[in-house]
Amino acid sequence: ARSRASITFRDILAASRWQPAPQHGYQCVSCCRVFPTLWSVKAHIQHSSQEGYSCKVYYRRLKALWEKEHKEQEAAAPRV
């Protein structure tokens, strides 16, 4: 259920941390389009299927993988 949660600005920024910083906006990591504001890239992701892209699916899957990895790290951490 959490993996179906909406994509947040923090998720977008976390996904793009390995990308070179665009000089004129924010890049969608899925389709590589550049948008002038963080809000506009989030709107693009939310409505990407209407534009013929699957960016929303990409970000949801990425978020689910991060949550799985986080849970695995917590389970592997030594208990004090």
PDB file of N, CA and C in Angstrom:
ATOM      1  N   ALA A   1       0.828  -1.190   0.000  1.00  0.00           N
ATOM      2  CA  ALA A   1       0.000   0.000   0.000  1.00  0.00           C
ATOM      3  C   ALA A   1       0.872   1.254   0.000  1.00  0.00           C
ATOM      4  N   ARG A   2       1.974   1.246   0.773  1.00  0.00           N
ATOM      5  CA  ARG A   2       2.835   2.425   0.805  1.00  0.00           C
ATOM      6  C   ARG A   2       3.479   2.687  -0.540  1.00  0.00           C
ATOM      7  N   SER A   3       3.770   1.623  -1.301  1.00  0.00           N
ATOM      8  CA  SER A   3       4.408   1.833  -2.597  1.00  0.00           C
ATOM      9  C   SER A   3       3.458   2.531  -3.561  1.00  0.00           C
ATOM     10  N   ARG A   4       2.163   2.517  -3.279  1.00  0.00           N
ATOM     11  CA  ARG A   4       1.174   3.188  -4.108  1.00  0.00           C
ATOM     12  C   ARG A   4       0.981   4.638  -3.668  1.00  0.00           C
ATOM     13  N   ALA A   5       1.702   5.045  -2.620  1.00  0.00           N
ATOM     14  CA  ALA A   5       1.596   6.414  -2.123  1.00  0.00           C
ATOM     15  C   ALA A   5       2.044   7.386  -3.196  1.00  0.00           C
ATOM     16  N   SER A   6       1.588   8.610  -3.069  1.00  0.00           N
ATOM     17  CA  SER A   6       1.936   9.606  -4.069  1.00  0.00           C
ATOM     18  C   SER A   6       3.433   9.920  -4.037  1.00  0.00           C
ATOM     19  N   ILE A   7       3.926  10.332  -5.155  1.00  0.00           N
ATOM     20  CA  ILE A   7       5.332  10.705  -5.293  1.00  0.00           C
ATOM     21  C   ILE A   7       5.502  12.091  -4.690  1.00  0.00           C
ATOM     22  N   THR A   8       6.489  12.249  -3.842  1.00  0.00           N
ATOM     23  CA  THR A   8       6.719  13.533  -3.186  1.00  0.00           C
ATOM     24  C   THR A   8       7.887  14.267  -3.836  1.00  0.00           C
ATOM     25  N   PHE A   9       8.032  15.555  -3.490  1.00  0.00           N
ATOM     26  CA  PHE A   9       9.172  16.318  -3.984  1.00  0.00           C
ATOM     27  C   PHE A   9      10.473  15.679  -3.515  1.00  0.00           C
ATOM     28  N   ARG A  10      10.480  15.165  -2.301  1.00  0.00           N
ATOM     29  CA  ARG A  10      11.670  14.504  -1.760  1.00  0.00           C
ATOM     30  C   ARG A  10      12.039  13.279  -2.609  1.00  0.00           C
ATOM     31  N   ASP A  11      11.027  12.516  -3.055  1.00  0.00           N
ATOM     32  CA  ASP A  11      11.287  11.357  -3.914  1.00  0.00           C
ATOM     33  C   ASP A  11      11.927  11.791  -5.232  1.00  0.00           C
ATOM     34  N   ILE A  12      11.409  12.878  -5.801  1.00  0.00           N
ATOM     35  CA  ILE A  12      11.936  13.371  -7.076  1.00  0.00           C
ATOM     36  C   ILE A  12      13.390  13.804  -6.919  1.00  0.00           C
ATOM     37  N   LEU A  13      13.672  14.546  -5.867  1.00  0.00           N
ATOM     38  CA  LEU A  13      15.043  15.006  -5.634  1.00  0.00           C
ATOM     39  C   LEU A  13      15.983  13.852  -5.325  1.00  0.00           C
ATOM     40  N   ALA A  14      15.500  12.865  -4.568  1.00  0.00           N
ATOM     41  CA  ALA A  14      16.333  11.704  -4.256  1.00  0.00           C
ATOM     42  C   ALA A  14      16.661  10.916  -5.521  1.00  0.00           C
ATOM     43  N   ALA A  15      15.691  10.767  -6.403  1.00  0.00           N
ATOM     44  CA  ALA A  15      15.921  10.024  -7.639  1.00  0.00           C
ATOM     45  C   ALA A  15      16.923  10.727  -8.534  1.00  0.00           C
ATOM     46  N   SER A  16      16.955  12.030  -8.468  1.00  0.00           N
ATOM     47  CA  SER A  16      17.834  12.776  -9.365  1.00  0.00           C
ATOM     48  C   SER A  16      19.215  13.044  -8.783  1.00  0.00           C
ATOM     49  N   ARG A  17      19.503  12.560  -7.610  1.00  0.00           N
ATOM     50  CA  ARG A  17      20.784  12.892  -6.984  1.00  0.00           C
ATOM     51  C   ARG A  17      21.988  12.346  -7.742  1.00  0.00           C
ATOM     52  N   TRP A  18      21.804  11.330  -8.586  1.00  0.00           N
ATOM     53  CA  TRP A  18      22.919  10.779  -9.356  1.00  0.00           C
ATOM     54  C   TRP A  18      23.043  11.449 -10.722  1.00  0.00           C
ATOM     55  N   GLN A  19      22.086  12.267 -11.074  1.00  0.00           N
ATOM     56  CA  GLN A  19      22.105  12.957 -12.359  1.00  0.00           C
ATOM     57  C   GLN A  19      22.891  14.259 -12.234  1.00  0.00           C
ATOM     58  N   PRO A  20      23.559  14.665 -13.293  1.00  0.00           N
ATOM     59  CA  PRO A  20      24.194  15.986 -13.240  1.00  0.00           C
ATOM     60  C   PRO A  20      23.110  17.053 -13.069  1.00  0.00           C
ATOM     61  N   ALA A  21      23.396  18.062 -12.295  1.00  0.00           N
ATOM     62  CA  ALA A  21      22.407  19.107 -12.030  1.00  0.00           C
ATOM     63  C   ALA A  21      22.129  19.897 -13.305  1.00  0.00           C
ATOM     64  N   PRO A  22      20.875  19.898 -13.749  1.00  0.00           N
ATOM     65  CA  PRO A  22      20.558  20.700 -14.932  1.00  0.00           C
ATOM     66  C   PRO A  22      20.663  22.184 -14.601  1.00  0.00           C
ATOM     67  N   GLN A  23      21.093  22.958 -15.545  1.00  0.00           N
ATOM     68  CA  GLN A  23      21.295  24.376 -15.295  1.00  0.00           C
ATOM     69  C   GLN A  23      20.002  25.174 -15.352  1.00  0.00           C
ATOM     70  N   HIS A  24      19.003  24.654 -16.017  1.00  0.00           N
ATOM     71  CA  HIS A  24      17.776  25.429 -16.221  1.00  0.00           C
ATOM     72  C   HIS A  24      16.531  24.658 -15.809  1.00  0.00           C
ATOM     73  N   GLY A  25      16.550  24.009 -14.665  1.00  0.00           N
ATOM     74  CA  GLY A  25      15.360  23.329 -14.204  1.00  0.00           C
ATOM     75  C   GLY A  25      15.648  21.988 -13.565  1.00  0.00           C
ATOM     76  N   TYR A  26      14.628  21.161 -13.541  1.00  0.00           N
ATOM     77  CA  TYR A  26      14.689  19.840 -12.914  1.00  0.00           C
ATOM     78  C   TYR A  26      14.386  18.787 -13.961  1.00  0.00           C
ATOM     79  N   GLN A  27      15.155  17.706 -13.912  1.00  0.00           N
ATOM     80  CA  GLN A  27      15.017  16.655 -14.907  1.00  0.00           C
ATOM     81  C   GLN A  27      14.208  15.494 -14.357  1.00  0.00           C
ATOM     82  N   CYS A  28      13.268  15.007 -15.154  1.00  0.00           N
ATOM     83  CA  CYS A  28      12.558  13.768 -14.829  1.00  0.00           C
ATOM     84  C   CYS A  28      13.543  12.636 -15.109  1.00  0.00           C
ATOM     85  N   VAL A  29      13.834  11.840 -14.112  1.00  0.00           N
ATOM     86  CA  VAL A  29      14.824  10.773 -14.253  1.00  0.00           C
ATOM     87  C   VAL A  29      14.324   9.683 -15.190  1.00  0.00           C
ATOM     88  N   SER A  30      13.022   9.551 -15.318  1.00  0.00           N
ATOM     89  CA  SER A  30      12.462   8.511 -16.165  1.00  0.00           C
ATOM     90  C   SER A  30      12.584   8.831 -17.656  1.00  0.00           C
ATOM     91  N   CYS A  31      12.111  10.002 -18.066  1.00  0.00           N
ATOM     92  CA  CYS A  31      12.090  10.329 -19.492  1.00  0.00           C
ATOM     93  C   CYS A  31      13.155  11.354 -19.888  1.00  0.00           C
ATOM     94  N   CYS A  32      13.872  11.892 -18.898  1.00  0.00           N
ATOM     95  CA  CYS A  32      14.972  12.848 -19.100  1.00  0.00           C
ATOM     96  C   CYS A  32      14.531  14.222 -19.591  1.00  0.00           C
ATOM     97  N   ARG A  33      13.231  14.504 -19.579  1.00  0.00           N
ATOM     98  CA  ARG A  33      12.784  15.854 -19.932  1.00  0.00           C
ATOM     99  C   ARG A  33      13.137  16.805 -18.800  1.00  0.00           C
ATOM    100  N   VAL A  34      13.412  18.055 -19.128  1.00  0.00           N
ATOM    101  CA  VAL A  34      13.771  19.060 -18.144  1.00  0.00           C
ATOM    102  C   VAL A  34      12.600  20.027 -17.998  1.00  0.00           C
ATOM    103  N   PHE A  35      12.277  20.348 -16.739  1.00  0.00           N
ATOM    104  CA  PHE A  35      11.162  21.228 -16.418  1.00  0.00           C
ATOM    105  C   PHE A  35      11.682  22.425 -15.621  1.00  0.00           C
ATOM    106  N   PRO A  36      11.030  23.576 -15.744  1.00  0.00           N
ATOM    107  CA  PRO A  36      11.546  24.784 -15.109  1.00  0.00           C
ATOM    108  C   PRO A  36      11.453  24.800 -13.584  1.00  0.00           C
ATOM    109  N   THR A  37      10.484  24.087 -13.019  1.00  0.00           N
ATOM    110  CA  THR A  37      10.311  24.089 -11.564  1.00  0.00           C
ATOM    111  C   THR A  37      10.121  22.672 -11.052  1.00  0.00           C
ATOM    112  N   LEU A  38      10.354  22.494  -9.778  1.00  0.00           N
ATOM    113  CA  LEU A  38      10.121  21.198  -9.145  1.00  0.00           C
ATOM    114  C   LEU A  38       8.638  20.843  -9.213  1.00  0.00           C
ATOM    115  N   TRP A  39       7.786  21.851  -9.039  1.00  0.00           N
ATOM    116  CA  TRP A  39       6.342  21.616  -9.122  1.00  0.00           C
ATOM    117  C   TRP A  39       5.958  21.097 -10.503  1.00  0.00           C
ATOM    118  N   SER A  40       6.544  21.657 -11.558  1.00  0.00           N
ATOM    119  CA  SER A  40       6.178  21.235 -12.910  1.00  0.00           C
ATOM    120  C   SER A  40       6.633  19.816 -13.214  1.00  0.00           C
ATOM    121  N   VAL A  41       7.788  19.395 -12.680  1.00  0.00           N
ATOM    122  CA  VAL A  41       8.206  18.006 -12.899  1.00  0.00           C
ATOM    123  C   VAL A  41       7.310  17.057 -12.119  1.00  0.00           C
ATOM    124  N   LYS A  42       6.862  17.468 -10.929  1.00  0.00           N
ATOM    125  CA  LYS A  42       5.937  16.620 -10.166  1.00  0.00           C
ATOM    126  C   LYS A  42       4.602  16.495 -10.898  1.00  0.00           C
ATOM    127  N   ALA A  43       4.094  17.601 -11.439  1.00  0.00           N
ATOM    128  CA  ALA A  43       2.845  17.551 -12.210  1.00  0.00           C
ATOM    129  C   ALA A  43       3.012  16.653 -13.433  1.00  0.00           C
ATOM    130  N   HIS A  44       4.154  16.734 -14.093  1.00  0.00           N
ATOM    131  CA  HIS A  44       4.432  15.869 -15.248  1.00  0.00           C
ATOM    132  C   HIS A  44       4.375  14.400 -14.837  1.00  0.00           C
ATOM    133  N   ILE A  45       5.013  14.065 -13.720  1.00  0.00           N
ATOM    134  CA  ILE A  45       5.033  12.677 -13.263  1.00  0.00           C
ATOM    135  C   ILE A  45       3.614  12.198 -12.974  1.00  0.00           C
ATOM    136  N   GLN A  46       2.832  13.024 -12.278  1.00  0.00           N
ATOM    137  CA  GLN A  46       1.466  12.639 -11.917  1.00  0.00           C
ATOM    138  C   GLN A  46       0.576  12.422 -13.143  1.00  0.00           C
ATOM    139  N   HIS A  47       0.820  13.174 -14.217  1.00  0.00           N
ATOM    140  CA  HIS A  47      -0.028  13.107 -15.418  1.00  0.00           C
ATOM    141  C   HIS A  47       0.708  12.522 -16.624  1.00  0.00           C
ATOM    142  N   SER A  48       1.791  11.825 -16.373  1.00  0.00           N
ATOM    143  CA  SER A  48       2.633  11.334 -17.470  1.00  0.00           C
ATOM    144  C   SER A  48       1.906  10.371 -18.401  1.00  0.00           C
ATOM    145  N   SER A  49       0.997   9.568 -17.872  1.00  0.00           N
ATOM    146  CA  SER A  49       0.300   8.610 -18.739  1.00  0.00           C
ATOM    147  C   SER A  49      -0.567   9.324 -19.770  1.00  0.00           C
ATOM    148  N   GLN A  50      -1.078  10.494 -19.427  1.00  0.00           N
ATOM    149  CA  GLN A  50      -1.874  11.276 -20.376  1.00  0.00           C
ATOM    150  C   GLN A  50      -0.998  11.860 -21.480  1.00  0.00           C
ATOM    151  N   GLU A  51       0.302  11.969 -21.203  1.00  0.00           N
ATOM    152  CA  GLU A  51       1.250  12.508 -22.175  1.00  0.00           C
ATOM    153  C   GLU A  51       1.960  11.396 -22.960  1.00  0.00           C
ATOM    154  N   GLY A  52       1.637  10.152 -22.662  1.00  0.00           N
ATOM    155  CA  GLY A  52       2.254   9.035 -23.359  1.00  0.00           C
ATOM    156  C   GLY A  52       3.526   8.519 -22.719  1.00  0.00           C
ATOM    157  N   TYR A  53       3.797   8.915 -21.484  1.00  0.00           N
ATOM    158  CA  TYR A  53       4.981   8.474 -20.764  1.00  0.00           C
ATOM    159  C   TYR A  53       4.576   7.566 -19.605  1.00  0.00           C
ATOM    160  N   SER A  54       5.530   6.817 -19.083  1.00  0.00           N
ATOM    161  CA  SER A  54       5.273   5.943 -17.934  1.00  0.00           C
ATOM    162  C   SER A  54       6.088   6.389 -16.714  1.00  0.00           C
ATOM    163  N   CYS A  55       6.328   7.666 -16.593  1.00  0.00           N
ATOM    164  CA  CYS A  55       7.170   8.196 -15.517  1.00  0.00           C
ATOM    165  C   CYS A  55       6.584   7.908 -14.133  1.00  0.00           C
ATOM    166  N   LYS A  56       5.282   7.978 -13.999  1.00  0.00           N
ATOM    167  CA  LYS A  56       4.642   7.722 -12.706  1.00  0.00           C
ATOM    168  C   LYS A  56       4.920   6.291 -12.264  1.00  0.00           C
ATOM    169  N   VAL A  57       4.828   5.359 -13.190  1.00  0.00           N
ATOM    170  CA  VAL A  57       5.120   3.955 -12.893  1.00  0.00           C
ATOM    171  C   VAL A  57       6.573   3.810 -12.471  1.00  0.00           C
ATOM    172  N   TYR A  58       7.480   4.473 -13.170  1.00  0.00           N
ATOM    173  CA  TYR A  58       8.904   4.412 -12.855  1.00  0.00           C
ATOM    174  C   TYR A  58       9.168   4.913 -11.434  1.00  0.00           C
ATOM    175  N   TYR A  59       8.654   6.089 -11.095  1.00  0.00           N
ATOM    176  CA  TYR A  59       8.892   6.652  -9.772  1.00  0.00           C
ATOM    177  C   TYR A  59       8.240   5.822  -8.669  1.00  0.00           C
ATOM    178  N   ARG A  60       7.046   5.274  -8.927  1.00  0.00           N
ATOM    179  CA  ARG A  60       6.410   4.421  -7.919  1.00  0.00           C
ATOM    180  C   ARG A  60       7.235   3.165  -7.675  1.00  0.00           C
ATOM    181  N   ARG A  61       7.743   2.577  -8.740  1.00  0.00           N
ATOM    182  CA  ARG A  61       8.564   1.369  -8.612  1.00  0.00           C
ATOM    183  C   ARG A  61       9.866   1.693  -7.884  1.00  0.00           C
ATOM    184  N   LEU A  62      10.470   2.814  -8.217  1.00  0.00           N
ATOM    185  CA  LEU A  62      11.694   3.236  -7.558  1.00  0.00           C
ATOM    186  C   LEU A  62      11.450   3.451  -6.063  1.00  0.00           C
ATOM    187  N   LYS A  63      10.338   4.086  -5.730  1.00  0.00           N
ATOM    188  CA  LYS A  63       9.998   4.328  -4.330  1.00  0.00           C
ATOM    189  C   LYS A  63       9.785   3.001  -3.599  1.00  0.00           C
ATOM    190  N   ALA A  64       9.126   2.043  -4.238  1.00  0.00           N
ATOM    191  CA  ALA A  64       8.905   0.732  -3.631  1.00  0.00           C
ATOM    192  C   ALA A  64      10.231   0.019  -3.379  1.00  0.00           C
ATOM    193  N   LEU A  65      11.168   0.131  -4.320  1.00  0.00           N
ATOM    194  CA  LEU A  65      12.484  -0.490  -4.144  1.00  0.00           C
ATOM    195  C   LEU A  65      13.249   0.157  -2.992  1.00  0.00           C
ATOM    196  N   TRP A  66      13.162   1.487  -2.874  1.00  0.00           N
ATOM    197  CA  TRP A  66      13.824   2.179  -1.758  1.00  0.00           C
ATOM    198  C   TRP A  66      13.241   1.727  -0.425  1.00  0.00           C
ATOM    199  N   GLU A  67      11.906   1.604  -0.359  1.00  0.00           N
ATOM    200  CA  GLU A  67      11.272   1.179   0.892  1.00  0.00           C
ATOM    201  C   GLU A  67      11.680  -0.252   1.244  1.00  0.00           C
ATOM    202  N   LYS A  68      11.767  -1.121   0.233  1.00  0.00           N
ATOM    203  CA  LYS A  68      12.196  -2.498   0.464  1.00  0.00           C
ATOM    204  C   LYS A  68      13.632  -2.525   0.971  1.00  0.00           C
ATOM    205  N   GLU A  69      14.495  -1.747   0.342  1.00  0.00           N
ATOM    206  CA  GLU A  69      15.893  -1.680   0.757  1.00  0.00           C
ATOM    207  C   GLU A  69      16.013  -1.150   2.189  1.00  0.00           C
ATOM    208  N   HIS A  70      15.224  -0.150   2.519  1.00  0.00           N
ATOM    209  CA  HIS A  70      15.246   0.425   3.864  1.00  0.00           C
ATOM    210  C   HIS A  70      14.819  -0.621   4.900  1.00  0.00           C
ATOM    211  N   LYS A  71      13.783  -1.381   4.600  1.00  0.00           N
ATOM    212  CA  LYS A  71      13.313  -2.424   5.509  1.00  0.00           C
ATOM    213  C   LYS A  71      14.387  -3.508   5.691  1.00  0.00           C
ATOM    214  N   GLU A  72      15.053  -3.874   4.603  1.00  0.00           N
ATOM    215  CA  GLU A  72      16.102  -4.884   4.679  1.00  0.00           C
ATOM    216  C   GLU A  72      17.273  -4.397   5.516  1.00  0.00           C
ATOM    217  N   GLN A  73      17.613  -3.110   5.379  1.00  0.00           N
ATOM    218  CA  GLN A  73      18.702  -2.542   6.176  1.00  0.00           C
ATOM    219  C   GLN A  73      18.326  -2.509   7.654  1.00  0.00           C
ATOM    220  N   GLU A  74      17.082  -2.169   7.946  1.00  0.00           N
ATOM    221  CA  GLU A  74      16.639  -2.162   9.343  1.00  0.00           C
ATOM    222  C   GLU A  74      16.672  -3.573   9.936  1.00  0.00           C
ATOM    223  N   ALA A  75      16.272  -4.569   9.141  1.00  0.00           N
ATOM    224  CA  ALA A  75      16.257  -5.941   9.626  1.00  0.00           C
ATOM    225  C   ALA A  75      17.686  -6.472   9.828  1.00  0.00           C
ATOM    226  N   ALA A  76      18.619  -6.015   9.019  1.00  0.00           N
ATOM    227  CA  ALA A  76      20.005  -6.480   9.131  1.00  0.00           C
ATOM    228  C   ALA A  76      20.797  -5.735  10.187  1.00  0.00           C
ATOM    229  N   ALA A  77      20.297  -4.614  10.637  1.00  0.00           N
ATOM    230  CA  ALA A  77      21.023  -3.810  11.646  1.00  0.00           C
ATOM    231  C   ALA A  77      21.069  -4.557  12.981  1.00  0.00           C
ATOM    232  N   PRO A  78      22.200  -4.503  13.628  1.00  0.00           N
ATOM    233  CA  PRO A  78      22.304  -5.202  14.922  1.00  0.00           C
ATOM    234  C   PRO A  78      21.397  -4.552  15.955  1.00  0.00           C
ATOM    235  N   ARG A  79      20.746  -5.385  16.724  1.00  0.00           N
ATOM    236  CA  ARG A  79      19.854  -4.916  17.780  1.00  0.00           C
ATOM    237  C   ARG A  79      20.670  -4.664  19.053  1.00  0.00           C
ATOM    238  N   VAL A  80      20.407  -3.560  19.689  1.00  0.00           N
ATOM    239  CA  VAL A  80      21.145  -3.216  20.909  1.00  0.00           C
ATOM    240  C   VAL A  80      20.284  -3.432  22.109  1.00  0.00           C
TER     241      VAL A  80
END
